[in-house]
Amino acid sequence: KFGNVFGKFNNHIDIRPFHLYSIQKFSNKSCLYFILFATQKYLQHFKMSDEANEKNVAATSTIRRKLLQFIKKYFLEGQKYSHEENTIIQEDRASIDNLLDRHRKLFGFLIPIIFFQTIYWLLAFRYNFYHYFKEKYTMSIVMIFGALIGGMTTEGGGAVAFPIMTLALNISPVVARDFSFMIQSCGLTAASFSILFTGILVEWHSILFSTFGAIFGVIFGLEIVDPLMTPAEKKMTFVSVFFSFAIALFILNFEKKRKTFDKIDQFTLSRAFILMINGFAGGIFTGIAGSGIDIYSFSILTLYFRISEKVATPTSVILMAANSMVGFFWRYFMQNAIQQESWEYFAVCIPIVVIFAPVGSYIASCLHRLTLASFIYILETVALVSAFLIIKLDWPLIIFTMSIIIGSLIFYIVMSECGKKLMIQKIKPSEMKEKMNDITVASAV
């Protein structure tokens, strides 16, 4: 009997040193001691197993919790709004205003899509746009990603369209620039409507004064600067400036736990002048490549004025939409120089862009700023490397490209340092005010 009972412990206790013959010779007292010893070992084994299981469960729970925290931080952060989004609405009221408040994000997404899709398909049916898709469908696919990035980041859809059209598809920079104006006039306008309708917080000082300066910059770039540059110079200028912007964004994100603001405090005439000059410079670049005021606006807001990226990004989207319409207007009505090829690409991309640009804006409201920045790092690095591989560069063009990158980098670093000093000036008065309040309270006590 002892042999049969002891055999049940075979899976947990090493009984190889023992044999049934030896066990049968044990006295009853020895057998009792041995059974107690085996039972103790058996219980210790299961106790250790339970502790190991508890440790495994705890480790799994910790990993799961950290994974959820990572996803929530970088992919579900949320957007800043100009109104309190969680306002309690009475259920018994069925007015249109309450319906819009309950489903503001949904309406902000659907209204521009329905508007542009209705107009497009009426025109497509009237003028038979369908045959353009046979040869131009490639750009429809490209602009899925272009519209998403245009709505998600500070870069317009032209930031994707221009390098792909000029570098990969070998299309004229003039055609790519005009196409960027045209498609951003629709896609970014749709995204801008979603931003404004849902009440996402923007910096209105920047929109007003940067746009005022950029209007003259776009016209100056189209009329004066653009005719002086070769196609290769336009391509390298685009990738160089945008790559410099990626470096500036990296510098910005390198500062840990930096203090940011939601608007430009103590707005003065000098700050309005700074925004107009910056807008003029960005407008010139927009006149050359189809986009640029967006990254110039984002840079000065985040590096100099220390505005939060969650505010600067939708602000730059609205700025780029407005200045794209200015460029489109000037090229079509004043210069009358938009080529047929640009119109054909425009025809096959409108129904795509007006859907995915608002989608990009919504996705951006969920993602962390570092996640968006990572997309820009990858995009601009690939664009610069592709330009060096595809374009046949001579030494003057290489020097020209490196000068733009180094000059832009120095400009961004200086702007960042000036922004730090400006932030210190902002913080000191508030700290002094808090100290004075503390002294007043202490004296009263």
Foldseek 3Di string as FASTA:
>chain_A
DLVVVVVVCVVPDPCVVDDPVVVVPDDPVVSVVVVVVSVVSVVVRVVVVVVVVVVVVVVVVVVVVVVVVVCQAFQAPFFAFPDPLPDDDDPVDDDPVVVCSVCVLVCLQPVLLVVLVVVLVVVCVVVVLPVLCVPQVVLQVQLLVLLLLCQQFLWHSLLRQQLCCCQVVVHFLVLSQLLLLLQLLRQLVSSLSSCVRSRGAAAVLLLVLLLVLLLLLLVCLQPPVQVVDDRLLLLLLSLLLLLLLLVLVVVLVVDPPDDADRYQPPDDPVVSVVSSVLSSVQSNNCNRRVGRSSSSQLLLCCQARVHDSSHSTSNSSSNSNVSSPSNNCCVCPVVVPNDPVSVSSNSSHNSSSSNSNNVSNVSSSRGHPVSSSVVSNVSSVVSNVSSVVRDDDDPVSVVVSVCSNVVSNVVSVVSNVNNVVVVVVVVVVVVVVVVVVVVVVVVVD
